[in-house]
Amino acid sequence: MSRLASLALSVSLGLGAILGVSGQSAAADYGSAVAYDAGICSESWVLGRISRNFRHQVRNVPGLPQVDIVDYYGLRLTRHHPQRELWPVARTYCEGTVRLSDGHDRSIWYFIEGGMGFAGVGHNVEACVSGFDRWNVYNGRCRVAQ
């Protein structure tokens, strides 16, 4: 076994021991269990990540108003795609309304991808607020996030 392969194996075993995960099936089971929870749409870590990403977006994309998300309401699960052979990434889609610091309410659509965090650990959250997709990242009118 080469040095690089040996190092990679020892790092992955070490991470598994630290995280308490004993193999790929446990990680996949954890991601699926969380993704099926309809309450995940209103989890504080999800909303916190959306707020941080939105703040970064309005500060760094020219022409967007300098506002923050101050409140979320009407959040609901719209659909869930579990992980399977033809759909390798579990996704939970949600929608709702956000109140911005300028007093306006906007529709928001977002999805949570299981097992798509840093190095495949954790979740990724992608969100689109109506009127704030200036570069059409979510295909105009936030269609990708819906």
Protein backbone atom coordinates (compact mmCIF):
# COMPACT_ATOMS: atom_id res chain seq x y z
CA MET A 1 0.00 0.00 0.00
CA SER A 2 1.38 3.40 -0.94
CA ARG A 3 2.00 6.07 1.68
CA LEU A 4 -0.80 8.24 0.30
CA ALA A 5 -3.32 5.41 0.34
CA SER A 6 -2.25 4.44 3.85
CA LEU A 7 -2.63 8.03 5.04
CA ALA A 8 -6.05 8.37 3.42
CA LEU A 9 -7.22 5.13 5.05
CA SER A 10 -6.02 6.14 8.50
CA VAL A 11 -7.62 9.61 8.21
CA SER A 12 -10.97 8.16 7.14
CA LEU A 13 -10.91 5.58 9.94
CA GLY A 14 -9.99 8.29 12.42
CA LEU A 15 -12.81 10.55 11.29
CA GLY A 16 -15.23 7.64 11.50
CA ALA A 17 -14.17 6.96 15.06
CA ILE A 18 -14.44 10.63 16.06
CA LEU A 19 -17.86 11.08 14.46
CA GLY A 20 -19.13 7.75 15.71
CA VAL A 21 -19.93 6.56 12.21
CA SER A 22 -19.11 2.97 11.43
CA GLY A 23 -19.26 2.83 7.66
CA GLN A 24 -21.10 4.30 4.74
CA SER A 25 -24.48 2.78 5.55
CA ALA A 26 -24.64 4.54 8.91
CA ALA A 27 -23.91 7.90 7.29
CA ALA A 28 -26.54 7.29 4.62
CA ASP A 29 -29.08 6.16 7.22
CA TYR A 30 -28.47 9.30 9.28
CA GLY A 31 -28.92 11.57 6.26
CA SER A 32 -32.13 9.86 5.21
CA ALA A 33 -33.60 9.94 8.72
CA VAL A 34 -33.01 13.67 9.02
CA ALA A 35 -34.22 14.42 5.50
CA TYR A 36 -37.59 12.71 6.11
CA ASP A 37 -38.31 14.95 9.07
CA ALA A 38 -40.83 17.56 7.86
CA GLY A 39 -39.74 19.81 10.75
CA ILE A 40 -36.31 20.20 9.19
CA CYS A 41 -37.65 23.16 7.18
CA SER A 42 -37.84 25.26 10.35
CA GLU A 43 -34.74 23.98 12.15
CA SER A 44 -32.64 26.83 13.55
CA TRP A 45 -29.43 25.60 11.89
CA VAL A 46 -31.15 25.61 8.47
CA LEU A 47 -32.58 29.11 8.91
CA GLY A 48 -29.27 30.36 10.31
CA ARG A 49 -27.40 29.09 7.28
CA ILE A 50 -29.94 30.70 4.94
CA SER A 51 -29.61 34.03 6.76
CA ARG A 52 -25.80 33.94 6.64
CA ASN A 53 -25.74 33.03 2.94
CA PHE A 54 -28.31 35.72 2.13
CA ARG A 55 -26.31 38.33 4.05
CA HIS A 56 -23.18 37.33 2.09
CA GLN A 57 -25.11 37.51 -1.19
CA VAL A 58 -26.54 41.02 -0.70
CA ARG A 59 -23.15 42.33 0.43
CA ASN A 60 -21.26 40.88 -2.55
CA VAL A 61 -23.63 41.04 -5.54
CA PRO A 62 -23.75 44.53 -7.05
CA GLY A 63 -27.16 46.15 -7.34
CA LEU A 64 -28.94 44.25 -4.58
CA PRO A 65 -30.51 46.23 -1.74
CA GLN A 66 -28.56 46.04 1.53
CA VAL A 67 -31.16 44.18 3.61
CA ASP A 68 -31.16 41.25 6.01
CA ILE A 69 -33.70 38.54 6.75
CA VAL A 70 -35.32 39.40 10.09
CA ASP A 71 -38.09 36.79 10.27
CA TYR A 72 -39.37 33.58 8.68
CA TYR A 73 -42.98 32.44 8.63
CA GLY A 74 -45.30 30.04 6.85
CA LEU A 75 -42.47 27.53 6.37
CA ARG A 76 -43.55 24.18 5.02
CA LEU A 77 -42.17 21.07 3.37
CA THR A 78 -43.17 20.88 -0.29
CA ARG A 79 -41.54 17.59 -1.30
CA HIS A 80 -38.84 15.11 -0.45
CA HIS A 81 -36.68 12.95 -2.71
CA PRO A 82 -34.96 10.19 -0.71
CA GLN A 83 -31.55 8.94 -1.71
CA ARG A 84 -31.71 6.03 -4.14
CA GLU A 85 -29.82 4.67 -7.10
CA LEU A 86 -31.26 7.05 -9.70
CA TRP A 87 -31.34 10.00 -7.27
CA PRO A 88 -28.04 9.75 -5.35
CA VAL A 89 -28.56 12.88 -3.20
CA ALA A 90 -31.48 13.08 -0.78
CA ARG A 91 -33.19 16.46 -1.06
CA THR A 92 -35.92 18.09 1.00
CA TYR A 93 -37.64 21.08 -0.60
CA CYS A 94 -39.28 23.81 1.48
CA GLU A 95 -40.97 27.15 0.96
CA GLY A 96 -42.23 30.05 3.00
CA THR A 97 -42.04 33.80 3.44
CA VAL A 98 -39.28 36.01 4.82
CA ARG A 99 -39.55 39.48 6.26
CA LEU A 100 -36.64 41.69 5.26
CA SER A 101 -35.12 44.53 7.26
CA ASP A 102 -36.75 47.04 4.88
CA GLY A 103 -40.20 45.79 6.00
CA HIS A 104 -41.04 43.93 2.78
CA ASP A 105 -42.11 40.29 2.68
CA ARG A 106 -40.67 38.00 0.01
CA SER A 107 -41.26 34.38 -0.95
CA ILE A 108 -38.41 31.99 -0.26
CA TRP A 109 -37.74 28.54 -1.64
CA TYR A 110 -34.94 26.34 -0.36
CA PHE A 111 -33.71 22.79 -0.32
CA ILE A 112 -31.58 20.74 2.03
CA GLU A 113 -29.22 18.17 0.52
CA GLY A 114 -28.28 15.26 2.76
CA GLY A 115 -24.63 14.25 2.91
CA MET A 116 -23.48 17.20 0.82
CA GLY A 117 -21.67 19.20 3.50
CA PHE A 118 -17.91 19.60 3.70
CA ALA A 119 -16.24 16.31 2.70
CA GLY A 120 -19.64 14.62 2.55
CA VAL A 121 -20.39 15.21 6.23
CA GLY A 122 -23.51 17.17 7.13
CA HIS A 123 -25.98 18.93 4.89
CA ASN A 124 -25.95 21.65 2.28
CA VAL A 125 -28.68 24.30 2.20
CA GLU A 126 -29.46 26.30 -0.94
CA ALA A 127 -32.04 29.12 -0.87
CA CYS A 128 -33.56 31.60 -3.27
CA VAL A 129 -35.46 34.71 -2.18
CA SER A 130 -37.86 36.16 -4.74
CA GLY A 131 -36.26 39.12 -6.50
CA PHE A 132 -32.73 38.40 -5.25
CA ASP A 133 -31.48 35.97 -7.90
CA ARG A 134 -29.85 38.67 -10.00
CA TRP A 135 -27.49 36.27 -11.79
CA ASN A 136 -30.19 33.60 -12.40
CA VAL A 137 -28.34 31.00 -10.36
CA TYR A 138 -31.70 29.32 -9.67
CA ASN A 139 -32.99 29.71 -13.27
CA GLY A 140 -35.15 32.82 -13.08
CA ARG A 141 -37.94 33.17 -10.52
CA CYS A 142 -36.18 30.61 -8.30
CA ARG A 143 -37.45 27.59 -10.29
CA VAL A 144 -34.49 25.35 -9.35
CA ALA A 145 -35.13 25.82 -5.63
CA GLN A 146 -38.84 25.10 -5.99
